[in-house]
Amino acid sequence: MLVVLAANTYLYAAWVDPADATQTVWQAVLIITALTLAQGAILCLPLDVANKSNSLDCTGCVARAHPTALCCGSLRPSPKEEEEEKE
């Protein structure tokens, strides 16, 4: 997110009119914040899809119902794979 924030600050500085640069500080903060939040929402979408879970700790794992399914977006092994590792 810091890279996105830095890029948005650079874009704002590159496109702002020099006469308005010092007069509209609150507008600059608003524009940079809005761009960062919008881009952050788009960049976090793949993480949401990868998790494939309704809970943060992935307790509602689909693999419990279907033994060959990947658990928690394949971020952790399924219960069947955990049992195999213990043996």
N, C-alpha and C. Protein backbone atom coordinates (compact mmCIF):
# COMPACT_ATOMS: atom_id res chain seq x y z
N MET A 1 0.83 -1.19 0.00
CA MET A 1 0.00 0.00 0.00
C MET A 1 0.87 1.25 0.00
N LEU A 2 2.05 1.15 0.58
CA LEU A 2 2.92 2.32 0.58
C LEU A 2 3.40 2.67 -0.82
N VAL A 3 3.59 1.65 -1.65
CA VAL A 3 3.99 1.89 -3.03
C VAL A 3 2.86 2.60 -3.78
N VAL A 4 1.63 2.17 -3.55
CA VAL A 4 0.47 2.80 -4.20
C VAL A 4 0.33 4.24 -3.72
N LEU A 5 0.51 4.47 -2.43
CA LEU A 5 0.43 5.82 -1.88
C LEU A 5 1.51 6.72 -2.48
N ALA A 6 2.72 6.20 -2.59
CA ALA A 6 3.81 6.98 -3.18
C ALA A 6 3.56 7.27 -4.66
N ALA A 7 3.04 6.29 -5.37
CA ALA A 7 2.74 6.49 -6.80
C ALA A 7 1.64 7.53 -6.99
N ASN A 8 0.62 7.49 -6.14
CA ASN A 8 -0.46 8.47 -6.25
C ASN A 8 0.02 9.88 -5.90
N THR A 9 0.90 9.98 -4.92
CA THR A 9 1.47 11.28 -4.57
C THR A 9 2.31 11.82 -5.73
N TYR A 10 3.08 10.95 -6.36
CA TYR A 10 3.87 11.37 -7.51
C TYR A 10 2.98 11.81 -8.67
N LEU A 11 1.93 11.04 -8.94
CA LEU A 11 1.01 11.41 -10.02
C LEU A 11 0.34 12.75 -9.75
N TYR A 12 -0.06 12.96 -8.50
CA TYR A 12 -0.68 14.25 -8.16
C TYR A 12 0.31 15.39 -8.36
N ALA A 13 1.53 15.20 -7.89
CA ALA A 13 2.54 16.26 -8.02
C ALA A 13 2.88 16.54 -9.48
N ALA A 14 2.84 15.51 -10.31
CA ALA A 14 3.17 15.68 -11.72
C ALA A 14 2.05 16.40 -12.48
N TRP A 15 0.79 16.23 -12.06
CA TRP A 15 -0.33 16.77 -12.81
C TRP A 15 -0.93 18.05 -12.22
N VAL A 16 -0.52 18.44 -11.02
CA VAL A 16 -1.11 19.62 -10.40
C VAL A 16 -0.59 20.90 -11.07
N ASP A 17 -1.44 21.90 -11.15
CA ASP A 17 -1.05 23.21 -11.68
C ASP A 17 -0.17 23.91 -10.65
N PRO A 18 0.98 24.42 -11.03
CA PRO A 18 1.87 25.04 -10.05
C PRO A 18 1.23 26.20 -9.26
N ALA A 19 0.28 26.88 -9.84
CA ALA A 19 -0.39 27.98 -9.14
C ALA A 19 -1.30 27.46 -8.03
N ASP A 20 -1.80 26.24 -8.16
CA ASP A 20 -2.71 25.65 -7.18
C ASP A 20 -2.01 24.74 -6.17
N ALA A 21 -0.73 24.54 -6.32
CA ALA A 21 -0.03 23.54 -5.51
C ALA A 21 -0.06 23.86 -4.02
N THR A 22 0.04 25.12 -3.64
CA THR A 22 0.08 25.45 -2.21
C THR A 22 -1.28 25.86 -1.66
N GLN A 23 -2.25 26.12 -2.50
CA GLN A 23 -3.53 26.63 -2.03
C GLN A 23 -4.54 25.53 -1.72
N THR A 24 -4.35 24.35 -2.24
CA THR A 24 -5.35 23.30 -2.11
C THR A 24 -4.77 22.05 -1.45
N VAL A 25 -4.26 22.20 -0.25
CA VAL A 25 -3.65 21.06 0.44
C VAL A 25 -4.70 20.01 0.80
N TRP A 26 -5.86 20.43 1.31
CA TRP A 26 -6.89 19.46 1.71
C TRP A 26 -7.44 18.72 0.50
N GLN A 27 -7.49 19.39 -0.65
CA GLN A 27 -7.94 18.71 -1.86
C GLN A 27 -6.91 17.68 -2.32
N ALA A 28 -5.63 18.00 -2.16
CA ALA A 28 -4.58 17.05 -2.53
C ALA A 28 -4.66 15.81 -1.66
N VAL A 29 -4.86 16.01 -0.36
CA VAL A 29 -4.99 14.87 0.55
C VAL A 29 -6.21 14.04 0.19
N LEU A 30 -7.31 14.69 -0.13
CA LEU A 30 -8.53 13.98 -0.52
C LEU A 30 -8.33 13.17 -1.80
N ILE A 31 -7.70 13.75 -2.79
CA ILE A 31 -7.48 13.07 -4.07
C ILE A 31 -6.54 11.88 -3.89
N ILE A 32 -5.45 12.07 -3.18
CA ILE A 32 -4.48 10.99 -2.98
C ILE A 32 -5.10 9.86 -2.16
N THR A 33 -5.87 10.21 -1.14
CA THR A 33 -6.52 9.20 -0.31
C THR A 33 -7.56 8.41 -1.11
N ALA A 34 -8.37 9.12 -1.89
CA ALA A 34 -9.39 8.44 -2.70
C ALA A 34 -8.77 7.50 -3.72
N LEU A 35 -7.72 7.93 -4.39
CA LEU A 35 -7.04 7.06 -5.35
C LEU A 35 -6.43 5.83 -4.67
N THR A 36 -5.82 6.04 -3.51
CA THR A 36 -5.20 4.93 -2.79
C THR A 36 -6.25 3.91 -2.33
N LEU A 37 -7.36 4.39 -1.80
CA LEU A 37 -8.41 3.47 -1.36
C LEU A 37 -9.03 2.70 -2.52
N ALA A 38 -9.26 3.39 -3.64
CA ALA A 38 -9.84 2.71 -4.81
C ALA A 38 -8.89 1.65 -5.36
N GLN A 39 -7.62 1.98 -5.47
CA GLN A 39 -6.65 1.01 -5.99
C GLN A 39 -6.41 -0.12 -4.99
N GLY A 40 -6.46 0.19 -3.71
CA GLY A 40 -6.30 -0.84 -2.69
C GLY A 40 -7.42 -1.85 -2.72
N ALA A 41 -8.65 -1.38 -2.96
CA ALA A 41 -9.78 -2.31 -3.06
C ALA A 41 -9.61 -3.25 -4.24
N ILE A 42 -9.11 -2.73 -5.33
CA ILE A 42 -8.91 -3.56 -6.52
C ILE A 42 -7.75 -4.55 -6.30
N LEU A 43 -6.69 -4.09 -5.65
CA LEU A 43 -5.55 -4.97 -5.43
C LEU A 43 -5.81 -6.04 -4.37
N CYS A 44 -6.75 -5.81 -3.47
CA CYS A 44 -7.06 -6.80 -2.43
C CYS A 44 -8.08 -7.84 -2.89
N LEU A 45 -8.70 -7.64 -4.03
CA LEU A 45 -9.68 -8.60 -4.53
C LEU A 45 -9.08 -9.99 -4.75
N PRO A 46 -7.90 -10.14 -5.36
CA PRO A 46 -7.34 -11.49 -5.50
C PRO A 46 -7.08 -12.18 -4.17
N LEU A 47 -6.72 -11.42 -3.15
CA LEU A 47 -6.52 -12.03 -1.83
C LEU A 47 -7.83 -12.56 -1.29
N ASP A 48 -8.91 -11.84 -1.49
CA ASP A 48 -10.22 -12.29 -1.03
C ASP A 48 -10.65 -13.56 -1.77
N VAL A 49 -10.40 -13.60 -3.04
CA VAL A 49 -10.76 -14.78 -3.83
C VAL A 49 -9.90 -15.97 -3.42
N ALA A 50 -8.63 -15.72 -3.13
CA ALA A 50 -7.73 -16.82 -2.76
C ALA A 50 -8.10 -17.42 -1.42
N ASN A 51 -8.60 -16.63 -0.52
CA ASN A 51 -8.94 -17.16 0.80
C ASN A 51 -10.15 -18.08 0.76
N LYS A 52 -11.16 -17.75 -0.04
CA LYS A 52 -12.36 -18.58 -0.21
C LYS A 52 -12.96 -19.01 1.12
N SER A 53 -13.04 -18.10 2.06
CA SER A 53 -13.56 -18.46 3.35
C SER A 53 -14.37 -17.30 3.92
N ASN A 54 -15.36 -17.63 4.75
CA ASN A 54 -16.16 -16.59 5.37
C ASN A 54 -15.59 -16.13 6.69
N SER A 55 -14.61 -16.84 7.23
CA SER A 55 -14.03 -16.47 8.51
C SER A 55 -12.55 -16.19 8.33
N LEU A 56 -12.00 -15.42 9.24
CA LEU A 56 -10.59 -15.05 9.14
C LEU A 56 -9.66 -16.22 9.43
N ASP A 57 -10.07 -17.12 10.30
CA ASP A 57 -9.20 -18.23 10.64
C ASP A 57 -9.49 -19.48 9.81
N CYS A 58 -10.37 -19.39 8.83
CA CYS A 58 -10.68 -20.48 7.91
C CYS A 58 -11.21 -21.71 8.64
N THR A 59 -12.02 -21.52 9.69
CA THR A 59 -12.57 -22.66 10.40
C THR A 59 -13.67 -23.35 9.61
N GLY A 60 -14.35 -22.64 8.73
CA GLY A 60 -15.40 -23.25 7.93
C GLY A 60 -14.84 -23.82 6.66
N CYS A 61 -13.88 -24.69 6.79
CA CYS A 61 -13.17 -25.23 5.64
C CYS A 61 -14.06 -26.18 4.84
N VAL A 62 -14.02 -26.03 3.53
CA VAL A 62 -14.82 -26.86 2.64
C VAL A 62 -14.29 -28.29 2.60
N ALA A 63 -13.02 -28.46 2.91
CA ALA A 63 -12.40 -29.78 2.82
C ALA A 63 -12.99 -30.77 3.80
N ARG A 64 -13.63 -30.30 4.85
CA ARG A 64 -14.25 -31.23 5.81
C ARG A 64 -15.43 -31.97 5.15
N ALA A 65 -16.10 -31.31 4.24
CA ALA A 65 -17.22 -31.94 3.54
C ALA A 65 -16.74 -32.73 2.33
N HIS A 66 -15.67 -32.27 1.72
CA HIS A 66 -15.16 -32.92 0.51
C HIS A 66 -13.66 -33.14 0.69
N PRO A 67 -13.19 -34.37 0.88
CA PRO A 67 -11.81 -34.63 1.27
C PRO A 67 -10.76 -34.22 0.25
N THR A 68 -11.11 -34.08 -1.02
CA THR A 68 -10.11 -33.71 -2.01
C THR A 68 -10.08 -32.21 -2.26
N ALA A 69 -10.95 -31.45 -1.62
CA ALA A 69 -11.00 -30.00 -1.84
C ALA A 69 -9.83 -29.32 -1.15
N LEU A 70 -9.42 -28.19 -1.71
CA LEU A 70 -8.37 -27.40 -1.08
C LEU A 70 -8.97 -26.62 0.08
N CYS A 71 -8.21 -26.46 1.11
CA CYS A 71 -8.70 -25.80 2.32
C CYS A 71 -8.22 -24.36 2.36
N CYS A 72 -9.14 -23.44 2.55
CA CYS A 72 -8.82 -22.03 2.76
C CYS A 72 -8.03 -21.46 1.58
N GLY A 73 -8.47 -21.72 0.37
CA GLY A 73 -7.78 -21.19 -0.80
C GLY A 73 -6.39 -21.75 -0.96
N SER A 74 -6.17 -22.97 -0.51
CA SER A 74 -4.89 -23.68 -0.51
C SER A 74 -3.81 -22.92 0.26
N LEU A 75 -4.23 -22.09 1.22
CA LEU A 75 -3.27 -21.42 2.08
C LEU A 75 -2.83 -22.32 3.22
N ARG A 76 -3.63 -23.31 3.55
CA ARG A 76 -3.25 -24.31 4.54
C ARG A 76 -3.74 -25.66 4.03
N PRO A 77 -3.13 -26.76 4.46
CA PRO A 77 -3.53 -28.07 3.95
C PRO A 77 -4.91 -28.49 4.45
N SER A 78 -5.52 -29.36 3.71
CA SER A 78 -6.83 -29.88 4.11
C SER A 78 -6.64 -30.83 5.29
N PRO A 79 -7.73 -31.14 6.02
CA PRO A 79 -7.61 -32.08 7.15
C PRO A 79 -7.06 -33.44 6.74
N LYS A 80 -7.38 -33.89 5.52
CA LYS A 80 -6.86 -35.17 5.06
C LYS A 80 -5.34 -35.11 4.91
N GLU A 81 -4.83 -34.00 4.37
CA GLU A 81 -3.40 -33.85 4.22
C GLU A 81 -2.71 -33.71 5.58
N GLU A 82 -3.38 -33.05 6.54
CA GLU A 82 -2.82 -32.93 7.87
C GLU A 82 -2.69 -34.31 8.55
N GLU A 83 -3.68 -35.17 8.35
CA GLU A 83 -3.62 -36.52 8.91
C GLU A 83 -2.49 -37.33 8.29
N GLU A 84 -2.29 -37.17 6.96
CA GLU A 84 -1.23 -37.89 6.28
C GLU A 84 0.15 -37.46 6.77
N GLU A 85 0.28 -36.15 7.09
CA GLU A 85 1.56 -35.66 7.58
C GLU A 85 1.86 -36.19 8.98
N LYS A 86 0.82 -36.40 9.79
CA LYS A 86 1.02 -36.89 11.15
C LYS A 86 1.47 -38.34 11.17
N GLU A 87 1.09 -39.11 10.17
CA GLU A 87 1.42 -40.55 10.13
C GLU A 87 2.83 -40.80 9.75
